[in-house]
Amino acid sequence: MSAPSFARFARHAANAAWRDVDWARAQLQPHAGKTLRVQIWPLAFAGFTLQISPDGDWDDATATSGQQADATLHLTPAMLPRLAAALATAPDKPGAAIDLDGESTLVQTLRDLLDVLPLALEERLASLIGPIAAHGSSRAMRALASWPGYAAGRIGAGLAAYLTEESATLLKRRTFEAFGDEVAALRERVDRLVEGA
C-alpha cells in the first residue's frame, strides 16, 4: 500500500470515527490548517501527513521538503504493548500511551480525542448493530487488547517465582568449578596409576 493509499485510508477512518461527534470536531477547529505527520516504523515509505480542515475534519496534506508538521505521531511495534497496558490499567486514558510530539496544544487535543475514541467507536458500532451487541463487542475488544499486558505480567510473575523458589536447586558457578577441579584431580590420579603400572 503506497503512502497516498495509507493517507486516504487514515483520513476516511478518522473522519468516519468522529462524524456526528460535534465535540471532537469543535476541539479540532481551533487547529485548522495545522498538520499531523504519521510515521510508521519500519515502513518509512508509508508515512503521510494529514491537515485539519476549518470544519474540524481531516484532509490530505502534501508535506513540502522544508516544512515540518505541527505534530508527529510515531506508530511503532513498541506502541502496541504500551497501548494494551494503558487499556488494561486506565481504559479512559489510552491517549497517554500514544507516541506524539510537536506543538503542545495540538498534541494535548489529539490525546484528548484518543482518550474518547473507544467510546466514539462503540457509539458508531451501536448505530450499526445495536447498543447491546456493540457494548459486548467493545468489552471483548478491550479484553483482547489487555491480554498481552496480562500475559506479560503473568510470565514475569512466574519467572520471578521460579527464580526465587527454585534458586536453591539451580547449580551455581562455584559448583561447576568444584566439579571441574574434582575431575582434574581424578585425571591426575588415573595418570599416576597408569604411569606406575
C-alpha atoms as a PDB file:
ATOM      1  CA  MET A   1       0.000   0.000   0.000  1.00  0.00           C
ATOM      2  CA  SER A   2       1.517   3.342  -1.030  1.00  0.00           C
ATOM      3  CA  ALA A   3       1.711   6.467   1.115  1.00  0.00           C
ATOM      4  CA  PRO A   4      -1.265   8.133  -0.636  1.00  0.00           C
ATOM      5  CA  SER A   5      -3.305   4.968  -0.021  1.00  0.00           C
ATOM      6  CA  PHE A   6      -2.347   4.958   3.672  1.00  0.00           C
ATOM      7  CA  ALA A   7      -3.232   8.647   3.919  1.00  0.00           C
ATOM      8  CA  ARG A   8      -6.589   8.156   2.182  1.00  0.00           C
ATOM      9  CA  PHE A   9      -7.470   5.205   4.431  1.00  0.00           C
ATOM     10  CA  ALA A  10      -6.413   7.078   7.605  1.00  0.00           C
ATOM     11  CA  ARG A  11      -8.354  10.181   6.579  1.00  0.00           C
ATOM     12  CA  HIS A  12     -11.536   8.212   5.868  1.00  0.00           C
ATOM     13  CA  ALA A  13     -11.187   6.223   9.102  1.00  0.00           C
ATOM     14  CA  ALA A  14     -10.606   9.334  11.243  1.00  0.00           C
ATOM     15  CA  ASN A  15     -13.464  11.260   9.658  1.00  0.00           C
ATOM     16  CA  ALA A  16     -15.792   8.255   9.961  1.00  0.00           C
ATOM     17  CA  ALA A  17     -14.923   7.799  13.648  1.00  0.00           C
ATOM     18  CA  TRP A  18     -15.705  11.422  14.505  1.00  0.00           C
ATOM     19  CA  ARG A  19     -18.592  12.009  12.099  1.00  0.00           C
ATOM     20  CA  ASP A  20     -21.572  13.430  14.002  1.00  0.00           C
ATOM     21  CA  VAL A  21     -19.403  13.924  17.133  1.00  0.00           C
ATOM     22  CA  ASP A  22     -19.636  17.699  17.359  1.00  0.00           C
ATOM     23  CA  TRP A  23     -17.453  17.885  20.469  1.00  0.00           C
ATOM     24  CA  ALA A  24     -14.490  16.267  18.693  1.00  0.00           C
ATOM     25  CA  ARG A  25     -14.776  18.470  15.636  1.00  0.00           C
ATOM     26  CA  ALA A  26     -15.101  21.548  17.855  1.00  0.00           C
ATOM     27  CA  GLN A  27     -11.831  20.540  19.559  1.00  0.00           C
ATOM     28  CA  LEU A  28     -10.052  20.357  16.198  1.00  0.00           C
ATOM     29  CA  GLN A  29     -11.488  23.542  14.645  1.00  0.00           C
ATOM     30  CA  PRO A  30      -9.126  25.942  16.513  1.00  0.00           C
ATOM     31  CA  HIS A  31      -6.236  23.971  14.987  1.00  0.00           C
ATOM     32  CA  ALA A  32      -7.464  24.381  11.398  1.00  0.00           C
ATOM     33  CA  GLY A  33      -4.604  24.379   8.919  1.00  0.00           C
ATOM     34  CA  LYS A  34      -2.231  22.509  11.253  1.00  0.00           C
ATOM     35  CA  THR A  35      -0.713  19.248  10.124  1.00  0.00           C
ATOM     36  CA  LEU A  36      -0.138  15.847  11.678  1.00  0.00           C
ATOM     37  CA  ARG A  37       2.662  13.679  10.313  1.00  0.00           C
ATOM     38  CA  VAL A  38       2.149   9.935  10.815  1.00  0.00           C
ATOM     39  CA  GLN A  39       5.411   7.974  10.817  1.00  0.00           C
ATOM     40  CA  ILE A  40       5.045   4.193  10.516  1.00  0.00           C
ATOM     41  CA  TRP A  41       8.189   2.362  11.615  1.00  0.00           C
ATOM     42  CA  PRO A  42       9.836   0.427   9.987  1.00  0.00           C
ATOM     43  CA  LEU A  43       7.862   1.314   6.826  1.00  0.00           C
ATOM     44  CA  ALA A  44       9.381   4.711   6.088  1.00  0.00           C
ATOM     45  CA  PHE A  45       7.620   4.825   2.709  1.00  0.00           C
ATOM     46  CA  ALA A  46       4.231   4.562   4.415  1.00  0.00           C
ATOM     47  CA  GLY A  47       4.452   7.855   6.327  1.00  0.00           C
ATOM     48  CA  PHE A  48       1.895  10.502   5.433  1.00  0.00           C
ATOM     49  CA  THR A  49       0.642  13.906   6.525  1.00  0.00           C
ATOM     50  CA  LEU A  50      -2.927  14.972   7.299  1.00  0.00           C
ATOM     51  CA  GLN A  51      -4.213  18.509   7.753  1.00  0.00           C
ATOM     52  CA  ILE A  52      -7.064  19.760   9.912  1.00  0.00           C
ATOM     53  CA  SER A  53      -9.780  21.439   7.873  1.00  0.00           C
ATOM     54  CA  PRO A  54     -11.714  24.551   9.038  1.00  0.00           C
ATOM     55  CA  ASP A  55     -14.756  22.396   9.909  1.00  0.00           C
ATOM     56  CA  GLY A  56     -12.698  20.028  12.125  1.00  0.00           C
ATOM     57  CA  ASP A  57     -12.300  17.172   9.665  1.00  0.00           C
ATOM     58  CA  TRP A  58      -9.073  15.697   8.309  1.00  0.00           C
ATOM     59  CA  ASP A  59      -7.821  16.414   4.792  1.00  0.00           C
ATOM     60  CA  ASP A  60      -4.826  15.125   2.855  1.00  0.00           C
ATOM     61  CA  ALA A  61      -1.787  17.380   3.070  1.00  0.00           C
ATOM     62  CA  THR A  62       1.295  17.352   0.958  1.00  0.00           C
ATOM     63  CA  ALA A  63       4.395  17.874   3.097  1.00  0.00           C
ATOM     64  CA  THR A  64       6.840  20.166   1.389  1.00  0.00           C
ATOM     65  CA  SER A  65      10.535  19.481   1.791  1.00  0.00           C
ATOM     66  CA  GLY A  66      11.279  22.406   4.115  1.00  0.00           C
ATOM     67  CA  GLN A  67       8.072  22.388   6.110  1.00  0.00           C
ATOM     68  CA  GLN A  68       7.791  20.467   9.360  1.00  0.00           C
ATOM     69  CA  ALA A  69       4.470  19.116  10.611  1.00  0.00           C
ATOM     70  CA  ASP A  70       2.898  20.721  13.672  1.00  0.00           C
ATOM     71  CA  ALA A  71       2.681  17.307  15.386  1.00  0.00           C
ATOM     72  CA  THR A  72       4.082  13.862  14.679  1.00  0.00           C
ATOM     73  CA  LEU A  73       2.530  10.516  15.546  1.00  0.00           C
ATOM     74  CA  HIS A  74       5.052   7.672  15.688  1.00  0.00           C
ATOM     75  CA  LEU A  75       3.472   4.258  15.068  1.00  0.00           C
ATOM     76  CA  THR A  76       5.926   1.548  16.150  1.00  0.00           C
ATOM     77  CA  PRO A  77       5.599  -2.079  17.256  1.00  0.00           C
ATOM     78  CA  ALA A  78       6.610  -0.972  20.771  1.00  0.00           C
ATOM     79  CA  MET A  79       3.474   1.167  20.988  1.00  0.00           C
ATOM     80  CA  LEU A  80       1.134  -1.843  20.919  1.00  0.00           C
ATOM     81  CA  PRO A  81       2.149  -3.275  24.335  1.00  0.00           C
ATOM     82  CA  ARG A  82       2.014   0.217  25.853  1.00  0.00           C
ATOM     83  CA  LEU A  83      -1.455   0.763  24.414  1.00  0.00           C
ATOM     84  CA  ALA A  84      -2.611  -2.658  25.645  1.00  0.00           C
ATOM     85  CA  ALA A  85      -1.274  -1.897  29.129  1.00  0.00           C
ATOM     86  CA  ALA A  86      -2.966   1.510  29.108  1.00  0.00           C
ATOM     87  CA  LEU A  87      -6.293  -0.022  28.077  1.00  0.00           C
ATOM     88  CA  ALA A  88      -5.942  -2.587  30.879  1.00  0.00           C
ATOM     89  CA  THR A  89      -4.906  -0.187  33.657  1.00  0.00           C
ATOM     90  CA  ALA A  90      -6.506   3.113  32.614  1.00  0.00           C
ATOM     91  CA  PRO A  91      -9.110   2.415  29.905  1.00  0.00           C
ATOM     92  CA  ASP A  92     -10.236   6.051  29.939  1.00  0.00           C
ATOM     93  CA  LYS A  93      -6.717   7.363  29.145  1.00  0.00           C
ATOM     94  CA  PRO A  94      -5.315   5.414  26.159  1.00  0.00           C
ATOM     95  CA  GLY A  95      -4.048   8.665  24.637  1.00  0.00           C
ATOM     96  CA  ALA A  96      -1.155   8.717  27.135  1.00  0.00           C
ATOM     97  CA  ALA A  97       0.275   5.557  25.542  1.00  0.00           C
ATOM     98  CA  ILE A  98       0.483   7.115  22.077  1.00  0.00           C
ATOM     99  CA  ASP A  99       3.870   8.461  20.964  1.00  0.00           C
ATOM    100  CA  LEU A 100       3.019  12.030  19.924  1.00  0.00           C
ATOM    101  CA  ASP A 101       5.263  15.080  19.837  1.00  0.00           C
ATOM    102  CA  GLY A 102       5.061  18.591  18.466  1.00  0.00           C
ATOM    103  CA  GLU A 103       3.072  21.692  19.331  1.00  0.00           C
ATOM    104  CA  SER A 104       1.833  21.166  22.885  1.00  0.00           C
ATOM    105  CA  THR A 105      -1.762  22.400  22.438  1.00  0.00           C
ATOM    106  CA  LEU A 106      -2.302  20.291  19.333  1.00  0.00           C
ATOM    107  CA  VAL A 107      -0.703  17.248  20.967  1.00  0.00           C
ATOM    108  CA  GLN A 108      -2.954  17.639  24.026  1.00  0.00           C
ATOM    109  CA  THR A 109      -6.049  17.977  21.821  1.00  0.00           C
ATOM    110  CA  LEU A 110      -5.099  14.812  19.924  1.00  0.00           C
ATOM    111  CA  ARG A 111      -4.506  12.921  23.199  1.00  0.00           C
ATOM    112  CA  ASP A 112      -7.925  14.065  24.470  1.00  0.00           C
ATOM    113  CA  LEU A 113      -9.550  12.823  21.269  1.00  0.00           C
ATOM    114  CA  LEU A 114      -7.745   9.486  21.530  1.00  0.00           C
ATOM    115  CA  ASP A 115      -8.953   9.131  25.128  1.00  0.00           C
ATOM    116  CA  VAL A 116     -12.589   9.203  23.991  1.00  0.00           C
ATOM    117  CA  LEU A 117     -12.051   7.315  20.719  1.00  0.00           C
ATOM    118  CA  PRO A 118     -13.137   3.935  22.184  1.00  0.00           C
ATOM    119  CA  LEU A 119     -16.460   5.498  23.240  1.00  0.00           C
ATOM    120  CA  ALA A 120     -16.931   7.116  19.834  1.00  0.00           C
ATOM    121  CA  LEU A 121     -16.231   3.804  18.097  1.00  0.00           C
ATOM    122  CA  GLU A 122     -18.663   1.985  20.394  1.00  0.00           C
ATOM    123  CA  GLU A 123     -21.335   4.590  19.605  1.00  0.00           C
ATOM    124  CA  ARG A 124     -20.658   4.210  15.870  1.00  0.00           C
ATOM    125  CA  LEU A 125     -20.847   0.407  16.219  1.00  0.00           C
ATOM    126  CA  ALA A 126     -24.108   0.722  18.187  1.00  0.00           C
ATOM    127  CA  SER A 127     -25.682   2.567  15.268  1.00  0.00           C
ATOM    128  CA  LEU A 128     -24.803  -0.403  13.042  1.00  0.00           C
ATOM    129  CA  ILE A 129     -25.519  -3.477  15.200  1.00  0.00           C
ATOM    130  CA  GLY A 130     -27.412  -2.157  18.217  1.00  0.00           C
ATOM    131  CA  PRO A 131     -26.302  -0.968  21.653  1.00  0.00           C
ATOM    132  CA  ILE A 132     -26.192  -4.346  23.444  1.00  0.00           C
ATOM    133  CA  ALA A 133     -24.159  -6.079  20.746  1.00  0.00           C
ATOM    134  CA  ALA A 134     -21.886  -3.020  20.434  1.00  0.00           C
ATOM    135  CA  HIS A 135     -21.233  -2.973  24.184  1.00  0.00           C
ATOM    136  CA  GLY A 136     -20.443  -6.700  24.166  1.00  0.00           C
ATOM    137  CA  SER A 137     -18.134  -6.310  21.181  1.00  0.00           C
ATOM    138  CA  SER A 138     -16.354  -3.376  22.808  1.00  0.00           C
ATOM    139  CA  ARG A 139     -15.837  -5.317  26.034  1.00  0.00           C
ATOM    140  CA  ALA A 140     -14.449  -8.247  24.071  1.00  0.00           C
ATOM    141  CA  MET A 141     -12.079  -5.952  22.154  1.00  0.00           C
ATOM    142  CA  ARG A 142     -10.886  -4.304  25.393  1.00  0.00           C
ATOM    143  CA  ALA A 143     -10.285  -7.728  26.943  1.00  0.00           C
ATOM    144  CA  LEU A 144      -8.415  -8.848  23.847  1.00  0.00           C
ATOM    145  CA  ALA A 145      -6.338  -5.650  23.843  1.00  0.00           C
ATOM    146  CA  SER A 146      -5.453  -6.086  27.515  1.00  0.00           C
ATOM    147  CA  TRP A 147      -4.401  -9.712  27.061  1.00  0.00           C
ATOM    148  CA  PRO A 148      -0.742  -9.022  26.067  1.00  0.00           C
ATOM    149  CA  GLY A 149      -0.224  -6.918  29.198  1.00  0.00           C
ATOM    150  CA  TYR A 150      -1.872  -9.574  31.363  1.00  0.00           C
ATOM    151  CA  ALA A 151       0.194 -12.343  29.743  1.00  0.00           C
ATOM    152  CA  ALA A 152       3.440 -10.387  30.211  1.00  0.00           C
ATOM    153  CA  GLY A 153       2.577  -9.817  33.875  1.00  0.00           C
ATOM    154  CA  ARG A 154       1.813 -13.496  34.449  1.00  0.00           C
ATOM    155  CA  ILE A 155       5.013 -14.608  32.690  1.00  0.00           C
ATOM    156  CA  GLY A 156       7.054 -12.124  34.735  1.00  0.00           C
ATOM    157  CA  ALA A 157       5.436 -13.289  37.981  1.00  0.00           C
ATOM    158  CA  GLY A 158       6.023 -16.943  37.084  1.00  0.00           C
ATOM    159  CA  LEU A 159       9.663 -16.320  36.205  1.00  0.00           C
ATOM    160  CA  ALA A 160      10.230 -14.362  39.417  1.00  0.00           C
ATOM    161  CA  ALA A 161       8.639 -17.153  41.479  1.00  0.00           C
ATOM    162  CA  TYR A 162      10.742 -19.786  39.713  1.00  0.00           C
ATOM    163  CA  LEU A 163      13.969 -17.890  40.244  1.00  0.00           C
ATOM    164  CA  THR A 164      13.279 -17.225  43.927  1.00  0.00           C
ATOM    165  CA  GLU A 165      11.826 -20.603  44.888  1.00  0.00           C
ATOM    166  CA  GLU A 166      13.972 -22.822  42.690  1.00  0.00           C
ATOM    167  CA  SER A 167      17.239 -20.917  43.056  1.00  0.00           C
ATOM    168  CA  ALA A 168      18.412 -23.386  45.697  1.00  0.00           C
ATOM    169  CA  THR A 169      18.228 -26.213  43.150  1.00  0.00           C
ATOM    170  CA  LEU A 170      19.967 -24.283  40.380  1.00  0.00           C
ATOM    171  CA  LEU A 171      23.650 -25.084  40.026  1.00  0.00           C
ATOM    172  CA  LYS A 172      25.975 -22.221  40.845  1.00  0.00           C
ATOM    173  CA  ARG A 173      29.180 -21.356  39.034  1.00  0.00           C
ATOM    174  CA  ARG A 174      31.282 -22.398  42.030  1.00  0.00           C
ATOM    175  CA  THR A 175      29.599 -25.828  41.913  1.00  0.00           C
ATOM    176  CA  PHE A 176      30.722 -26.260  38.300  1.00  0.00           C
ATOM    177  CA  GLU A 177      34.229 -25.063  39.204  1.00  0.00           C
ATOM    178  CA  ALA A 178      34.447 -27.535  42.115  1.00  0.00           C
ATOM    179  CA  PHE A 179      33.266 -30.338  39.839  1.00  0.00           C
ATOM    180  CA  GLY A 180      35.920 -29.353  37.274  1.00  0.00           C
ATOM    181  CA  ASP A 181      38.599 -29.401  39.997  1.00  0.00           C
ATOM    182  CA  GLU A 182      37.494 -32.874  41.121  1.00  0.00           C
ATOM    183  CA  VAL A 183      37.594 -34.173  37.527  1.00  0.00           C
ATOM    184  CA  ALA A 184      41.106 -32.717  37.074  1.00  0.00           C
ATOM    185  CA  ALA A 185      42.308 -34.332  40.336  1.00  0.00           C
ATOM    186  CA  LEU A 186      40.808 -37.679  39.305  1.00  0.00           C
ATOM    187  CA  ARG A 187      42.534 -37.418  35.918  1.00  0.00           C
ATOM    188  CA  GLU A 188      45.874 -36.807  37.651  1.00  0.00           C
ATOM    189  CA  ARG A 189      45.404 -39.890  39.890  1.00  0.00           C
ATOM    190  CA  VAL A 190      44.461 -42.033  36.880  1.00  0.00           C
ATOM    191  CA  ASP A 191      47.538 -40.764  35.016  1.00  0.00           C
ATOM    192  CA  ARG A 192      49.767 -41.620  38.021  1.00  0.00           C
ATOM    193  CA  LEU A 193      48.258 -45.098  38.219  1.00  0.00           C
ATOM    194  CA  VAL A 194      48.811 -45.669  34.505  1.00  0.00           C
ATOM    195  CA  GLU A 195      52.429 -44.454  34.764  1.00  0.00           C
ATOM    196  CA  GLY A 196      53.106 -46.660  37.835  1.00  0.00           C
ATOM    197  CA  ALA A 197      51.729 -49.781  36.199  1.00  0.00           C
END
